[in-house]
PDB file of N, CA and C in Angstrom:
ATOM      1  N   MET A   1      54.711 -32.647 -97.144  1.00  0.00           N
ATOM      2  CA  MET A   1      54.304 -31.296 -96.756  1.00  0.00           C
ATOM      3  C   MET A   1      54.793 -30.283 -97.802  1.00  0.00           C
ATOM      4  N   GLN A   2      56.045 -30.424 -98.234  1.00  0.00           N
ATOM      5  CA  GLN A   2      56.591 -29.488 -99.220  1.00  0.00           C
ATOM      6  C   GLN A   2      55.843 -29.592-100.544  1.00  0.00           C
ATOM      7  N   ASN A   3      55.529 -30.826-100.946  1.00  0.00           N
ATOM      8  CA  ASN A   3      54.795 -31.018-102.193  1.00  0.00           C
ATOM      9  C   ASN A   3      53.429 -30.352-102.131  1.00  0.00           C
ATOM     10  N   LEU A   4      52.765 -30.496-100.994  1.00  0.00           N
ATOM     11  CA  LEU A   4      51.441 -29.888-100.797  1.00  0.00           C
ATOM     12  C   LEU A   4      51.547 -28.371-100.911  1.00  0.00           C
ATOM     13  N   PHE A   5      52.552 -27.809-100.229  1.00  0.00           N
ATOM     14  CA  PHE A   5      52.748 -26.360-100.244  1.00  0.00           C
ATOM     15  C   PHE A   5      53.023 -25.869-101.661  1.00  0.00           C
ATOM     16  N   TYR A   6      53.849 -26.639-102.374  1.00  0.00           N
ATOM     17  CA  TYR A   6      54.189 -26.271-103.751  1.00  0.00           C
ATOM     18  C   TYR A   6      52.951 -26.286-104.632  1.00  0.00           C
ATOM     19  N   CYS A   7      52.115 -27.323-104.453  1.00  0.00           N
ATOM     20  CA  CYS A   7      50.872 -27.413-105.232  1.00  0.00           C
ATOM     21  C   CYS A   7      49.988 -26.205-104.979  1.00  0.00           C
ATOM     22  N   ILE A   8      49.878 -25.817-103.708  1.00  0.00           N
ATOM     23  CA  ILE A   8      49.032 -24.666-103.356  1.00  0.00           C
ATOM     24  C   ILE A   8      49.579 -23.402-104.010  1.00  0.00           C
ATOM     25  N   SER A   9      50.902 -23.207-103.940  1.00  0.00           N
ATOM     26  CA  SER A   9      51.489 -21.992-104.520  1.00  0.00           C
ATOM     27  C   SER A   9      51.331 -21.992-106.040  1.00  0.00           C
ATOM     28  N   MET A  10      51.488 -23.144-106.681  1.00  0.00           N
ATOM     29  CA  MET A  10      51.314 -23.228-108.130  1.00  0.00           C
ATOM     30  C   MET A  10      49.865 -22.942-108.509  1.00  0.00           C
ATOM     31  N   ASN A  11      48.929 -23.513-107.733  1.00  0.00           N
ATOM     32  CA  ASN A  11      47.511 -23.274-108.013  1.00  0.00           C
ATOM     33  C   ASN A  11      47.183 -21.792-107.909  1.00  0.00           C
ATOM     34  N   ASN A  12      47.763 -21.130-106.919  1.00  0.00           N
ATOM     35  CA  ASN A  12      47.548 -19.698-106.740  1.00  0.00           C
ATOM     36  C   ASN A  12      48.000 -18.939-107.990  1.00  0.00           C
ATOM     37  N   ILE A  13      49.158 -19.317-108.532  1.00  0.00           N
ATOM     38  CA  ILE A  13      49.685 -18.673-109.745  1.00  0.00           C
ATOM     39  C   ILE A  13      48.744 -18.927-110.925  1.00  0.00           C
ATOM     40  N   PHE A  14      48.258 -20.179-111.038  1.00  0.00           N
ATOM     41  CA  PHE A  14      47.360 -20.500-112.147  1.00  0.00           C
ATOM     42  C   PHE A  14      46.049 -19.724-112.042  1.00  0.00           C
ATOM     43  N   PHE A  15      45.565 -19.538-110.793  1.00  0.00           N
ATOM     44  CA  PHE A  15      44.337 -18.760-110.611  1.00  0.00           C
ATOM     45  C   PHE A  15      44.559 -17.309-111.033  1.00  0.00           C
ATOM     46  N   LYS A  16      45.747 -16.786-110.709  1.00  0.00           N
ATOM     47  CA  LYS A  16      46.078 -15.410-111.111  1.00  0.00           C
ATOM     48  C   LYS A  16      46.097 -15.296-112.629  1.00  0.00           C
ATOM     49  N   ILE A  17      46.700 -16.295-113.297  1.00  0.00           N
ATOM     50  CA  ILE A  17      46.763 -16.286-114.762  1.00  0.00           C
ATOM     51  C   ILE A  17      45.353 -16.386-115.345  1.00  0.00           C
ATOM     52  N   ALA A  18      44.527 -17.251-114.749  1.00  0.00           N
ATOM     53  CA  ALA A  18      43.147 -17.413-115.214  1.00  0.00           C
ATOM     54  C   ALA A  18      42.375 -16.102-115.057  1.00  0.00           C
ATOM     55  N   GLY A  19      42.586 -15.438-113.931  1.00  0.00           N
ATOM     56  CA  GLY A  19      41.942 -14.147-113.692  1.00  0.00           C
ATOM     57  C   GLY A  19      42.390 -13.114-114.716  1.00  0.00           C
ATOM     58  N   PHE A  20      43.695 -13.128-115.016  1.00  0.00           N
ATOM     59  CA  PHE A  20      44.241 -12.197-116.005  1.00  0.00           C
ATOM     60  C   PHE A  20      43.624 -12.462-117.372  1.00  0.00           C
ATOM     61  N   LEU A  21      43.536 -13.749-117.756  1.00  0.00           N
ATOM     62  CA  LEU A  21      42.973 -14.099-119.067  1.00  0.00           C
ATOM     63  C   LEU A  21      41.509 -13.687-119.146  1.00  0.00           C
ATOM     64  N   ASN A  22      40.811 -13.789-118.027  1.00  0.00           N
ATOM     65  CA  ASN A  22      39.414 -13.347-117.969  1.00  0.00           C
ATOM     66  C   ASN A  22      39.324 -11.846-118.248  1.00  0.00           C
ATOM     67  N   GLU A  23      40.231 -11.085-117.622  1.00  0.00           N
ATOM     68  CA  GLU A  23      40.283  -9.635-117.867  1.00  0.00           C
ATOM     69  C   GLU A  23      40.650  -9.341-119.316  1.00  0.00           C
ATOM     70  N   VAL A  24      41.560 -10.140-119.855  1.00  0.00           N
ATOM     71  CA  VAL A  24      42.010  -9.955-121.242  1.00  0.00           C
ATOM     72  C   VAL A  24      40.837 -10.139-122.199  1.00  0.00           C
ATOM     73  N   SER A  25      40.021 -11.178-121.967  1.00  0.00           N
ATOM     74  CA  SER A  25      38.882 -11.430-122.856  1.00  0.00           C
ATOM     75  C   SER A  25      37.895 -10.255-122.798  1.00  0.00           C
ATOM     76  N   ALA A  26      37.694  -9.699-121.593  1.00  0.00           N
ATOM     77  CA  ALA A  26      36.841  -8.515-121.451  1.00  0.00           C
ATOM     78  C   ALA A  26      37.458  -7.336-122.193  1.00  0.00           C
ATOM     79  N   GLY A  27      38.805  -7.218-122.087  1.00  0.00           N
ATOM     80  CA  GLY A  27      39.533  -6.157-122.787  1.00  0.00           C
ATOM     81  C   GLY A  27      39.410  -6.290-124.297  1.00  0.00           C
ATOM     82  N   LEU A  28      39.464  -7.524-124.781  1.00  0.00           N
ATOM     83  CA  LEU A  28      39.349  -7.771-126.223  1.00  0.00           C
ATOM     84  C   LEU A  28      37.996  -7.328-126.748  1.00  0.00           C
ATOM     85  N   VAL A  29      36.945  -7.627-125.995  1.00  0.00           N
ATOM     86  CA  VAL A  29      35.595  -7.212-126.397  1.00  0.00           C
ATOM     87  C   VAL A  29      35.554  -5.685-126.512  1.00  0.00           C
ATOM     88  N   PHE A  30      36.177  -5.013-125.535  1.00  0.00           N
ATOM     89  CA  PHE A  30      36.240  -3.546-125.530  1.00  0.00           C
ATOM     90  C   PHE A  30      37.009  -3.039-126.753  1.00  0.00           C
ATOM     91  N   ILE A  31      38.122  -3.696-127.067  1.00  0.00           N
ATOM     92  CA  ILE A  31      38.955  -3.299-128.219  1.00  0.00           C
ATOM     93  C   ILE A  31      38.173  -3.475-129.520  1.00  0.00           C
ATOM     94  N   ILE A  32      37.457  -4.587-129.636  1.00  0.00           N
ATOM     95  CA  ILE A  32      36.697  -4.862-130.862  1.00  0.00           C
ATOM     96  C   ILE A  32      35.615  -3.785-131.059  1.00  0.00           C
ATOM     97  N   ARG A  33      35.026  -3.334-129.941  1.00  0.00           N
ATOM     98  CA  ARG A  33      33.996  -2.290-130.047  1.00  0.00           C
ATOM     99  C   ARG A  33      34.594  -0.957-130.497  1.00  0.00           C
ATOM    100  N   LYS A  34      35.808  -0.658-130.036  1.00  0.00           N
ATOM    101  CA  LYS A  34      36.486   0.592-130.444  1.00  0.00           C
ATOM    102  C   LYS A  34      37.575   0.237-131.441  1.00  0.00           C
ATOM    103  N   LYS A  35      37.228   0.224-132.714  1.00  0.00           N
ATOM    104  CA  LYS A  35      38.130  -0.297-133.749  1.00  0.00           C
ATOM    105  C   LYS A  35      39.375   0.557-133.962  1.00  0.00           C
ATOM    106  N   ASN A  36      39.335   1.858-133.654  1.00  0.00           N
ATOM    107  CA  ASN A  36      40.508   2.693-133.941  1.00  0.00           C
ATOM    108  C   ASN A  36      41.536   2.704-132.825  1.00  0.00           C
ATOM    109  N   SER A  37      41.325   1.946-131.754  1.00  0.00           N
ATOM    110  CA  SER A  37      42.250   2.020-130.609  1.00  0.00           C
ATOM    111  C   SER A  37      43.427   1.056-130.788  1.00  0.00           C
ATOM    112  N   ILE A  38      44.353   1.435-131.675  1.00  0.00           N
ATOM    113  CA  ILE A  38      45.532   0.612-131.962  1.00  0.00           C
ATOM    114  C   ILE A  38      46.485   0.614-130.759  1.00  0.00           C
ATOM    115  N   ILE A  39      46.558   1.750-130.058  1.00  0.00           N
ATOM    116  CA  ILE A  39      47.451   1.880-128.899  1.00  0.00           C
ATOM    117  C   ILE A  39      47.045   0.864-127.821  1.00  0.00           C
ATOM    118  N   VAL A  40      45.745   0.715-127.611  1.00  0.00           N
ATOM    119  CA  VAL A  40      45.229  -0.228-126.615  1.00  0.00           C
ATOM    120  C   VAL A  40      45.634  -1.652-126.982  1.00  0.00           C
ATOM    121  N   VAL A  41      45.543  -1.970-128.273  1.00  0.00           N
ATOM    122  CA  VAL A  41      45.912  -3.308-128.754  1.00  0.00           C
ATOM    123  C   VAL A  41      47.390  -3.573-128.477  1.00  0.00           C
ATOM    124  N   LYS A  42      48.248  -2.570-128.773  1.00  0.00           N
ATOM    125  CA  LYS A  42      49.684  -2.715-128.537  1.00  0.00           C
ATOM    126  C   LYS A  42      49.968  -2.954-127.062  1.00  0.00           C
ATOM    127  N   LYS A  43      49.302  -2.190-126.185  1.00  0.00           N
ATOM    128  CA  LYS A  43      49.492  -2.324-124.744  1.00  0.00           C
ATOM    129  C   LYS A  43      49.054  -3.719-124.296  1.00  0.00           C
ATOM    130  N   PHE A  44      47.936  -4.173-124.826  1.00  0.00           N
ATOM    131  CA  PHE A  44      47.394  -5.493-124.485  1.00  0.00           C
ATOM    132  C   PHE A  44      48.371  -6.597-124.881  1.00  0.00           C
ATOM    133  N   LEU A  45      48.956  -6.512-126.078  1.00  0.00           N
ATOM    134  CA  LEU A  45      49.904  -7.521-126.550  1.00  0.00           C
ATOM    135  C   LEU A  45      51.168  -7.537-125.687  1.00  0.00           C
ATOM    136  N   LYS A  46      51.607  -6.353-125.290  1.00  0.00           N
ATOM    137  CA  LYS A  46      52.794  -6.239-124.443  1.00  0.00           C
ATOM    138  C   LYS A  46      52.553  -6.924-123.097  1.00  0.00           C
ATOM    139  N   GLU A  47      51.390  -6.667-122.485  1.00  0.00           N
ATOM    140  CA  GLU A  47      51.046  -7.285-121.205  1.00  0.00           C
ATOM    141  C   GLU A  47      50.948  -8.793-121.346  1.00  0.00           C
ATOM    142  N   LEU A  48      50.360  -9.242-122.435  1.00  0.00           N
ATOM    143  CA  LEU A  48      50.215 -10.684-122.686  1.00  0.00           C
ATOM    144  C   LEU A  48      51.596 -11.340-122.798  1.00  0.00           C
ATOM    145  N   PHE A  49      52.513 -10.662-123.487  1.00  0.00           N
ATOM    146  CA  PHE A  49      53.879 -11.169-123.631  1.00  0.00           C
ATOM    147  C   PHE A  49      54.547 -11.323-122.264  1.00  0.00           C
ATOM    148  N   TYR A  50      54.387 -10.296-121.401  1.00  0.00           N
ATOM    149  CA  TYR A  50      54.977 -10.352-120.065  1.00  0.00           C
ATOM    150  C   TYR A  50      54.428 -11.529-119.268  1.00  0.00           C
ATOM    151  N   ILE A  51      53.105 -11.750-119.354  1.00  0.00           N
ATOM    152  CA  ILE A  51      52.480 -12.852-118.608  1.00  0.00           C
ATOM    153  C   ILE A  51      53.062 -14.189-119.048  1.00  0.00           C
ATOM    154  N   PHE A  52      53.187 -14.402-120.355  1.00  0.00           N
ATOM    155  CA  PHE A  52      53.727 -15.669-120.846  1.00  0.00           C
ATOM    156  C   PHE A  52      55.202 -15.823-120.477  1.00  0.00           C
ATOM    157  N   TYR A  53      55.944 -14.715-120.470  1.00  0.00           N
ATOM    158  CA  TYR A  53      57.352 -14.744-120.073  1.00  0.00           C
ATOM    159  C   TYR A  53      57.493 -15.183-118.617  1.00  0.00           C
ATOM    160  N   ILE A  54      56.659 -14.574-117.747  1.00  0.00           N
ATOM    161  CA  ILE A  54      56.662 -14.928-116.322  1.00  0.00           C
ATOM    162  C   ILE A  54      56.247 -16.396-116.155  1.00  0.00           C
ATOM    163  N   PHE A  55      55.231 -16.806-116.899  1.00  0.00           N
ATOM    164  CA  PHE A  55      54.729 -18.178-116.824  1.00  0.00           C
ATOM    165  C   PHE A  55      55.826 -19.176-117.193  1.00  0.00           C
ATOM    166  N   LEU A  56      56.599 -18.879-118.236  1.00  0.00           N
ATOM    167  CA  LEU A  56      57.693 -19.762-118.652  1.00  0.00           C
ATOM    168  C   LEU A  56      58.784 -19.828-117.583  1.00  0.00           C
ATOM    169  N   LYS A  57      59.047 -18.692-116.930  1.00  0.00           N
ATOM    170  CA  LYS A  57      60.044 -18.680-115.846  1.00  0.00           C
ATOM    171  C   LYS A  57      59.563 -19.551-114.691  1.00  0.00           C
ATOM    172  N   ILE A  58      58.273 -19.486-114.382  1.00  0.00           N
ATOM    173  CA  ILE A  58      57.691 -20.291-113.298  1.00  0.00           C
ATOM    174  C   ILE A  58      57.848 -21.779-113.620  1.00  0.00           C
ATOM    175  N   ARG A  59      57.633 -22.139-114.880  1.00  0.00           N
ATOM    176  CA  ARG A  59      57.735 -23.545-115.299  1.00  0.00           C
ATOM    177  C   ARG A  59      59.138 -24.103-115.074  1.00  0.00           C
ATOM    178  N   ARG A  60      60.146 -23.225-115.078  1.00  0.00           N
ATOM    179  CA  ARG A  60      61.537 -23.667-114.922  1.00  0.00           C
ATOM    180  C   ARG A  60      61.968 -23.772-113.467  1.00  0.00           C
ATOM    181  N   LEU A  61      61.082 -23.422-112.528  1.00  0.00           N
ATOM    182  CA  LEU A  61      61.419 -23.513-111.106  1.00  0.00           C
ATOM    183  C   LEU A  61      61.642 -24.968-110.709  1.00  0.00           C
ATOM    184  N   PRO A  62      62.426 -25.210-109.655  1.00  0.00           N
ATOM    185  CA  PRO A  62      62.583 -26.580-109.190  1.00  0.00           C
ATOM    186  C   PRO A  62      61.247 -27.158-108.719  1.00  0.00           C
ATOM    187  N   LYS A  63      61.133 -28.474-108.765  1.00  0.00           N
ATOM    188  CA  LYS A  63      59.850 -29.111-108.438  1.00  0.00           C
ATOM    189  C   LYS A  63      59.447 -28.882-106.987  1.00  0.00           C
ATOM    190  N   GLU A  64      60.426 -28.776-106.096  1.00  0.00           N
ATOM    191  CA  GLU A  64      60.104 -28.543-104.687  1.00  0.00           C
ATOM    192  C   GLU A  64      60.807 -27.281-104.218  1.00  0.00           C
ATOM    193  N   ILE A  65      60.030 -26.393-103.616  1.00  0.00           N
ATOM    194  CA  ILE A  65      60.601 -25.169-103.059  1.00  0.00           C
ATOM    195  C   ILE A  65      60.660 -25.357-101.539  1.00  0.00           C
ATOM    196  N   PRO A  66      61.861 -25.328-100.957  1.00  0.00           N
ATOM    197  CA  PRO A  66      61.940 -25.484 -99.495  1.00  0.00           C
ATOM    198  C   PRO A  66      61.172 -24.375 -98.790  1.00  0.00           C
ATOM    199  N   ILE A  67      60.389 -24.749 -97.779  1.00  0.00           N
ATOM    200  CA  ILE A  67      59.529 -23.789 -97.084  1.00  0.00           C
ATOM    201  C   ILE A  67      60.371 -22.735 -96.359  1.00  0.00           C
ATOM    202  N   ASN A  68      61.517 -23.142 -95.784  1.00  0.00           N
ATOM    203  CA  ASN A  68      62.329 -22.185 -95.013  1.00  0.00           C
ATOM    204  C   ASN A  68      62.932 -21.084 -95.880  1.00  0.00           C
ATOM    205  N   LYS A  69      62.967 -21.277 -97.210  1.00  0.00           N
ATOM    206  CA  LYS A  69      63.504 -20.238 -98.107  1.00  0.00           C
ATOM    207  C   LYS A  69      62.439 -19.230 -98.521  1.00  0.00           C
ATOM    208  N   LEU A  70      61.188 -19.542 -98.240  1.00  0.00           N
ATOM    209  CA  LEU A  70      60.105 -18.632 -98.660  1.00  0.00           C
ATOM    210  C   LEU A  70      59.834 -17.587 -97.596  1.00  0.00           C
TER     211      LEU A  70
END
C-alpha cells in the first residue's frame, strides 16, 4: 500500500514537472520571437534552476514515505 501511494505521489510530481517544461517550451518560443527581452531569459533560467533544485531534493527522499506522516 505504501509503495503504491509513493508511486502515485511521485507520478504527480513528474506530471507537474512535465507541465512546467511544457510551459517553458512555450515561453522559449515567446523569448525567441522577442529577441531583446534579456530580463525574461534571466527570469526563465532562474525558474528552471529552482525546478531542478527541487527535483534533486525529491530524488533524495526515502523510498517509502509513511502514510501517517503525510
